[in-house]
Amino acid sequence: MNAFLISSSTVALAEMGDKTQLLAFLLASRFKRPIPIILGITLATLINHGFAGSIGAWLSNLVSPDILRWVLGISFIAMAIWMLIPDKLEAEKISFSSRFGVFGVTCLTFFLAEMGDKTQIATIAMAARFDQTALVILGTTAGMLIANIPAVFLGEKFAHHFSPKLIHTIAASIFILLGIATLFEVDKLFGGLF
């Protein structure tokens, strides 16, 4: 269950102010149909993070545990640094085609926006770190929904009630702790907590 909790909470924090959350704001203000937008976000995230989780699980079987520990530890710390760089979404570059409908447009744009995004990379790293790929995928998907459902329902009004810089700092701190815990094998000291 730790894989699910750590994955969901880390991705929920990482998603605050991320380009995909900005996309959720944009889709909500454009279409004003929250249910198909939320369903589109869910499907796109499950597919994207399912792919990312599979890569993470594959990588964990490909390299030795010591090499994997160092790669993951450094990756988590690099994610912390990346987390402190704010994302921007260029709304003028996104076209909304009516032939796909709200659900289809949301699926397609979210899937593409999530490619190579921080939360996708985090999913790969956490799936490699934890030996519970399905729980990681479900956790990172839940984290995306925790961050994006309020964005869809509350739109731009929600954006003004939180400090993205503070939330990104908290998420970066979590990634640093995960990196340190991985590098120094803290899980052996605390019976697999990390």
C-alpha atoms as a PDB file:
ATOM      1  CA  MET A   1       0.000   0.000   0.000  1.00  0.00           C
ATOM      2  CA  ASN A   2       3.008   2.316   0.468  1.00  0.00           C
ATOM      3  CA  ALA A   3       3.578   2.263  -3.307  1.00  0.00           C
ATOM      4  CA  PHE A   4       0.028   3.560  -3.861  1.00  0.00           C
ATOM      5  CA  LEU A   5       0.149   6.212  -1.133  1.00  0.00           C
ATOM      6  CA  ILE A   6       3.577   7.553  -2.038  1.00  0.00           C
ATOM      7  CA  SER A   7       2.768   7.534  -5.766  1.00  0.00           C
ATOM      8  CA  SER A   8      -0.594   9.268  -5.387  1.00  0.00           C
ATOM      9  CA  SER A   9       0.542  11.936  -2.943  1.00  0.00           C
ATOM     10  CA  THR A  10       3.753  12.716  -4.832  1.00  0.00           C
ATOM     11  CA  VAL A  11       2.026  13.000  -8.208  1.00  0.00           C
ATOM     12  CA  ALA A  12      -0.859  15.043  -6.754  1.00  0.00           C
ATOM     13  CA  LEU A  13       1.647  17.574  -5.443  1.00  0.00           C
ATOM     14  CA  ALA A  14       3.765  17.430  -8.593  1.00  0.00           C
ATOM     15  CA  GLU A  15       0.697  18.063 -10.758  1.00  0.00           C
ATOM     16  CA  MET A  16      -0.186  21.359  -9.042  1.00  0.00           C
ATOM     17  CA  GLY A  17       0.655  24.074 -11.537  1.00  0.00           C
ATOM     18  CA  ASP A  18       1.859  21.513 -14.095  1.00  0.00           C
ATOM     19  CA  LYS A  19       1.031  21.966 -17.777  1.00  0.00           C
ATOM     20  CA  THR A  20      -1.557  19.185 -17.661  1.00  0.00           C
ATOM     21  CA  GLN A  21      -3.358  20.913 -14.803  1.00  0.00           C
ATOM     22  CA  LEU A  22      -3.288  24.105 -16.846  1.00  0.00           C
ATOM     23  CA  LEU A  23      -4.745  22.043 -19.710  1.00  0.00           C
ATOM     24  CA  ALA A  24      -7.546  20.874 -17.386  1.00  0.00           C
ATOM     25  CA  PHE A  25      -8.331  24.540 -16.592  1.00  0.00           C
ATOM     26  CA  LEU A  26      -8.338  25.342 -20.302  1.00  0.00           C
ATOM     27  CA  LEU A  27     -10.565  22.396 -21.269  1.00  0.00           C
ATOM     28  CA  ALA A  28     -13.001  23.202 -18.454  1.00  0.00           C
ATOM     29  CA  SER A  29     -13.304  26.828 -19.478  1.00  0.00           C
ATOM     30  CA  ARG A  30     -13.648  25.915 -23.167  1.00  0.00           C
ATOM     31  CA  PHE A  31     -16.187  23.069 -22.941  1.00  0.00           C
ATOM     32  CA  LYS A  32     -17.877  23.491 -19.536  1.00  0.00           C
ATOM     33  CA  ARG A  33     -18.603  19.736 -19.444  1.00  0.00           C
ATOM     34  CA  PRO A  34     -16.760  18.311 -16.424  1.00  0.00           C
ATOM     35  CA  ILE A  35     -17.766  14.637 -16.617  1.00  0.00           C
ATOM     36  CA  PRO A  36     -16.398  13.855 -20.117  1.00  0.00           C
ATOM     37  CA  ILE A  37     -13.278  15.899 -19.281  1.00  0.00           C
ATOM     38  CA  ILE A  38     -12.658  13.914 -16.078  1.00  0.00           C
ATOM     39  CA  LEU A  39     -13.288  10.609 -17.879  1.00  0.00           C
ATOM     40  CA  GLY A  40     -10.889  11.677 -20.647  1.00  0.00           C
ATOM     41  CA  ILE A  41      -8.204  12.632 -18.108  1.00  0.00           C
ATOM     42  CA  THR A  42      -8.667   9.279 -16.350  1.00  0.00           C
ATOM     43  CA  LEU A  43      -8.361   7.164 -19.504  1.00  0.00           C
ATOM     44  CA  ALA A  44      -5.439   9.149 -20.913  1.00  0.00           C
ATOM     45  CA  THR A  45      -3.586   8.947 -17.586  1.00  0.00           C
ATOM     46  CA  LEU A  46      -4.219   5.206 -17.154  1.00  0.00           C
ATOM     47  CA  ILE A  47      -2.869   4.499 -20.644  1.00  0.00           C
ATOM     48  CA  ASN A  48       0.081   6.872 -20.323  1.00  0.00           C
ATOM     49  CA  HIS A  49       1.051   5.837 -16.805  1.00  0.00           C
ATOM     50  CA  GLY A  50       0.392   2.160 -17.608  1.00  0.00           C
ATOM     51  CA  PHE A  51       2.996   2.450 -20.340  1.00  0.00           C
ATOM     52  CA  ALA A  52       5.358   4.353 -18.020  1.00  0.00           C
ATOM     53  CA  GLY A  53       4.866   1.836 -15.193  1.00  0.00           C
ATOM     54  CA  SER A  54       5.636  -1.026 -17.582  1.00  0.00           C
ATOM     55  CA  ILE A  55       8.880   0.680 -18.586  1.00  0.00           C
ATOM     56  CA  GLY A  56       9.786   1.154 -14.923  1.00  0.00           C
ATOM     57  CA  ALA A  57       9.090  -2.508 -14.124  1.00  0.00           C
ATOM     58  CA  TRP A  58      11.088  -3.596 -17.177  1.00  0.00           C
ATOM     59  CA  LEU A  59      14.027  -1.409 -16.149  1.00  0.00           C
ATOM     60  CA  SER A  60      13.991  -2.851 -12.646  1.00  0.00           C
ATOM     61  CA  ASN A  61      14.456  -6.335 -14.131  1.00  0.00           C
ATOM     62  CA  LEU A  62      17.063  -5.205 -16.649  1.00  0.00           C
ATOM     63  CA  VAL A  63      19.783  -3.835 -14.365  1.00  0.00           C
ATOM     64  CA  SER A  64      21.343  -5.013 -11.142  1.00  0.00           C
ATOM     65  CA  PRO A  65      19.789  -3.803  -7.874  1.00  0.00           C
ATOM     66  CA  ASP A  66      22.830  -1.661  -7.007  1.00  0.00           C
ATOM     67  CA  ILE A  67      22.875   0.131 -10.367  1.00  0.00           C
ATOM     68  CA  LEU A  68      19.094   0.573 -10.221  1.00  0.00           C
ATOM     69  CA  ARG A  69      19.377   2.052  -6.721  1.00  0.00           C
ATOM     70  CA  TRP A  70      21.873   4.670  -7.888  1.00  0.00           C
ATOM     71  CA  VAL A  71      19.952   5.491 -11.075  1.00  0.00           C
ATOM     72  CA  LEU A  72      16.685   5.842  -9.165  1.00  0.00           C
ATOM     73  CA  GLY A  73      18.200   7.837  -6.317  1.00  0.00           C
ATOM     74  CA  ILE A  74      19.764  10.307  -8.726  1.00  0.00           C
ATOM     75  CA  SER A  75      16.565  10.363 -10.828  1.00  0.00           C
ATOM     76  CA  PHE A  76      14.447  11.271  -7.800  1.00  0.00           C
ATOM     77  CA  ILE A  77      16.834  14.107  -6.922  1.00  0.00           C
ATOM     78  CA  ALA A  78      16.807  15.293 -10.563  1.00  0.00           C
ATOM     79  CA  MET A  79      12.983  15.214 -10.434  1.00  0.00           C
ATOM     80  CA  ALA A  80      13.152  17.461  -7.355  1.00  0.00           C
ATOM     81  CA  ILE A  81      15.183  20.008  -9.305  1.00  0.00           C
ATOM     82  CA  TRP A  82      12.884  19.736 -12.329  1.00  0.00           C
ATOM     83  CA  MET A  83       9.894  20.229 -10.019  1.00  0.00           C
ATOM     84  CA  LEU A  84      11.118  23.714  -9.170  1.00  0.00           C
ATOM     85  CA  ILE A  85      10.952  24.815 -12.831  1.00  0.00           C
ATOM     86  CA  PRO A  86       7.403  26.056 -13.510  1.00  0.00           C
ATOM     87  CA  ASP A  87       5.459  24.680 -16.461  1.00  0.00           C
ATOM     88  CA  LYS A  88       3.697  26.860 -19.006  1.00  0.00           C
ATOM     89  CA  LEU A  89       1.001  25.847 -21.426  1.00  0.00           C
ATOM     90  CA  GLU A  90       0.722  27.751 -24.658  1.00  0.00           C
ATOM     91  CA  ALA A  91      -3.045  27.766 -25.203  1.00  0.00           C
ATOM     92  CA  GLU A  92      -2.770  29.155 -28.717  1.00  0.00           C
ATOM     93  CA  LYS A  93      -0.941  26.006 -29.865  1.00  0.00           C
ATOM     94  CA  ILE A  94      -3.789  23.721 -28.808  1.00  0.00           C
ATOM     95  CA  SER A  95      -6.607  23.224 -31.272  1.00  0.00           C
ATOM     96  CA  PHE A  96      -9.864  21.676 -30.178  1.00  0.00           C
ATOM     97  CA  SER A  97     -11.457  19.642 -32.935  1.00  0.00           C
ATOM     98  CA  SER A  98     -15.178  19.081 -32.543  1.00  0.00           C
ATOM     99  CA  ARG A  99     -15.093  15.786 -34.467  1.00  0.00           C
ATOM    100  CA  PHE A 100     -13.570  13.981 -31.441  1.00  0.00           C
ATOM    101  CA  GLY A 101     -15.996  15.382 -28.884  1.00  0.00           C
ATOM    102  CA  VAL A 102     -15.069  16.611 -25.418  1.00  0.00           C
ATOM    103  CA  PHE A 103     -14.025  13.142 -24.205  1.00  0.00           C
ATOM    104  CA  GLY A 104     -11.870  12.440 -27.282  1.00  0.00           C
ATOM    105  CA  VAL A 105     -10.218  15.858 -27.270  1.00  0.00           C
ATOM    106  CA  THR A 106      -9.437  15.501 -23.569  1.00  0.00           C
ATOM    107  CA  CYS A 107      -7.995  11.992 -24.003  1.00  0.00           C
ATOM    108  CA  LEU A 108      -5.833  12.996 -26.919  1.00  0.00           C
ATOM    109  CA  THR A 109      -4.542  16.284 -25.529  1.00  0.00           C
ATOM    110  CA  PHE A 110      -3.896  14.873 -22.051  1.00  0.00           C
ATOM    111  CA  PHE A 111      -2.104  11.824 -23.416  1.00  0.00           C
ATOM    112  CA  LEU A 112       0.140  13.973 -25.611  1.00  0.00           C
ATOM    113  CA  ALA A 113       0.747  16.597 -22.902  1.00  0.00           C
ATOM    114  CA  GLU A 114       1.743  13.884 -20.442  1.00  0.00           C
ATOM    115  CA  MET A 115       4.396  12.391 -22.770  1.00  0.00           C
ATOM    116  CA  GLY A 116       7.780  13.127 -21.203  1.00  0.00           C
ATOM    117  CA  ASP A 117       6.137  15.146 -18.427  1.00  0.00           C
ATOM    118  CA  LYS A 118       7.379  15.142 -14.836  1.00  0.00           C
ATOM    119  CA  THR A 119       4.567  12.888 -13.646  1.00  0.00           C
ATOM    120  CA  GLN A 120       5.220  10.332 -16.402  1.00  0.00           C
ATOM    121  CA  ILE A 121       8.924  10.235 -15.538  1.00  0.00           C
ATOM    122  CA  ALA A 122       8.002   9.967 -11.843  1.00  0.00           C
ATOM    123  CA  THR A 123       5.757   6.997 -12.685  1.00  0.00           C
ATOM    124  CA  ILE A 124       8.656   5.239 -14.431  1.00  0.00           C
ATOM    125  CA  ALA A 125      10.938   5.879 -11.438  1.00  0.00           C
ATOM    126  CA  MET A 126       8.384   4.790  -8.832  1.00  0.00           C
ATOM    127  CA  ALA A 127       7.462   1.645 -10.780  1.00  0.00           C
ATOM    128  CA  ALA A 128      11.163   0.772 -10.904  1.00  0.00           C
ATOM    129  CA  ARG A 129      11.552   1.587  -7.209  1.00  0.00           C
ATOM    130  CA  PHE A 130       8.530  -0.308  -5.887  1.00  0.00           C
ATOM    131  CA  ASP A 131       7.867  -3.912  -6.805  1.00  0.00           C
ATOM    132  CA  GLN A 132       4.125  -3.169  -7.173  1.00  0.00           C
ATOM    133  CA  THR A 133       3.644  -1.706 -10.655  1.00  0.00           C
ATOM    134  CA  ALA A 134      -0.168  -1.882 -10.624  1.00  0.00           C
ATOM    135  CA  LEU A 135      -0.334   0.037  -7.323  1.00  0.00           C
ATOM    136  CA  VAL A 136       2.083   2.655  -8.658  1.00  0.00           C
ATOM    137  CA  ILE A 137      -0.012   3.126 -11.811  1.00  0.00           C
ATOM    138  CA  LEU A 138      -3.229   3.364  -9.807  1.00  0.00           C
ATOM    139  CA  GLY A 139      -1.524   5.722  -7.351  1.00  0.00           C
ATOM    140  CA  THR A 140      -0.129   8.071  -9.979  1.00  0.00           C
ATOM    141  CA  THR A 141      -3.490   8.085 -11.777  1.00  0.00           C
ATOM    142  CA  ALA A 142      -5.256   8.877  -8.494  1.00  0.00           C
ATOM    143  CA  GLY A 143      -2.748  11.674  -7.897  1.00  0.00           C
ATOM    144  CA  MET A 144      -3.516  13.160 -11.319  1.00  0.00           C
ATOM    145  CA  LEU A 145      -7.236  13.035 -10.552  1.00  0.00           C
ATOM    146  CA  ILE A 146      -6.784  14.535  -7.072  1.00  0.00           C
ATOM    147  CA  ALA A 147      -5.072  17.520  -8.666  1.00  0.00           C
ATOM    148  CA  ASN A 148      -7.178  17.825 -11.810  1.00  0.00           C
ATOM    149  CA  ILE A 149     -10.766  17.174 -10.718  1.00  0.00           C
ATOM    150  CA  PRO A 150     -10.897  20.404  -8.673  1.00  0.00           C
ATOM    151  CA  ALA A 151      -9.300  22.204 -11.632  1.00  0.00           C
ATOM    152  CA  VAL A 152     -12.060  20.945 -13.916  1.00  0.00           C
ATOM    153  CA  PHE A 153     -14.896  21.898 -11.564  1.00  0.00           C
ATOM    154  CA  LEU A 154     -13.546  25.167 -10.287  1.00  0.00           C
ATOM    155  CA  GLY A 155     -11.573  26.288 -13.320  1.00  0.00           C
ATOM    156  CA  GLU A 156      -9.588  29.487 -13.058  1.00  0.00           C
ATOM    157  CA  LYS A 157     -11.056  30.357  -9.634  1.00  0.00           C
ATOM    158  CA  PHE A 158      -9.194  27.401  -8.108  1.00  0.00           C
ATOM    159  CA  ALA A 159      -5.861  28.500  -9.553  1.00  0.00           C
ATOM    160  CA  HIS A 160      -5.786  31.627  -7.400  1.00  0.00           C
ATOM    161  CA  HIS A 161      -6.200  29.782  -4.082  1.00  0.00           C
ATOM    162  CA  PHE A 162      -2.910  27.950  -3.922  1.00  0.00           C
ATOM    163  CA  SER A 163       0.713  28.818  -4.274  1.00  0.00           C
ATOM    164  CA  PRO A 164       2.256  26.665  -7.021  1.00  0.00           C
ATOM    165  CA  LYS A 165       5.721  27.608  -5.789  1.00  0.00           C
ATOM    166  CA  LEU A 166       4.976  26.290  -2.271  1.00  0.00           C
ATOM    167  CA  ILE A 167       3.376  23.111  -3.596  1.00  0.00           C
ATOM    168  CA  HIS A 168       6.269  22.496  -6.016  1.00  0.00           C
ATOM    169  CA  THR A 169       8.713  23.017  -3.138  1.00  0.00           C
ATOM    170  CA  ILE A 170       6.864  20.421  -1.047  1.00  0.00           C
ATOM    171  CA  ALA A 171       6.819  17.981  -3.989  1.00  0.00           C
ATOM    172  CA  ALA A 172      10.525  18.625  -4.633  1.00  0.00           C
ATOM    173  CA  SER A 173      11.236  17.893  -0.958  1.00  0.00           C
ATOM    174  CA  ILE A 174       9.396  14.573  -1.256  1.00  0.00           C
ATOM    175  CA  PHE A 175      11.432  13.650  -4.339  1.00  0.00           C
ATOM    176  CA  ILE A 176      14.664  14.551  -2.519  1.00  0.00           C
ATOM    177  CA  LEU A 177      13.623  12.375   0.437  1.00  0.00           C
ATOM    178  CA  LEU A 178      12.798   9.508  -1.938  1.00  0.00           C
ATOM    179  CA  GLY A 179      16.190   9.973  -3.622  1.00  0.00           C
ATOM    180  CA  ILE A 180      18.082   9.950  -0.329  1.00  0.00           C
ATOM    181  CA  ALA A 181      16.042   7.018   0.969  1.00  0.00           C
ATOM    182  CA  THR A 182      16.808   5.094  -2.230  1.00  0.00           C
ATOM    183  CA  LEU A 183      20.526   5.932  -2.321  1.00  0.00           C
ATOM    184  CA  PHE A 184      21.095   5.049   1.332  1.00  0.00           C
ATOM    185  CA  GLU A 185      18.688   2.069   1.390  1.00  0.00           C
ATOM    186  CA  VAL A 186      16.640   3.581   4.202  1.00  0.00           C
ATOM    187  CA  ASP A 187      13.933   0.957   3.577  1.00  0.00           C
ATOM    188  CA  LYS A 188      16.210  -1.655   5.148  1.00  0.00           C
ATOM    189  CA  LEU A 189      16.325   0.416   8.341  1.00  0.00           C
ATOM    190  CA  PHE A 190      12.560   0.946   8.528  1.00  0.00           C
ATOM    191  CA  GLY A 191      11.288  -2.390   7.266  1.00  0.00           C
ATOM    192  CA  GLY A 192      10.252  -1.373   3.743  1.00  0.00           C
ATOM    193  CA  LEU A 193       8.464   1.901   4.554  1.00  0.00           C
ATOM    194  CA  PHE A 194      10.068   3.560   1.538  1.00  0.00           C
END
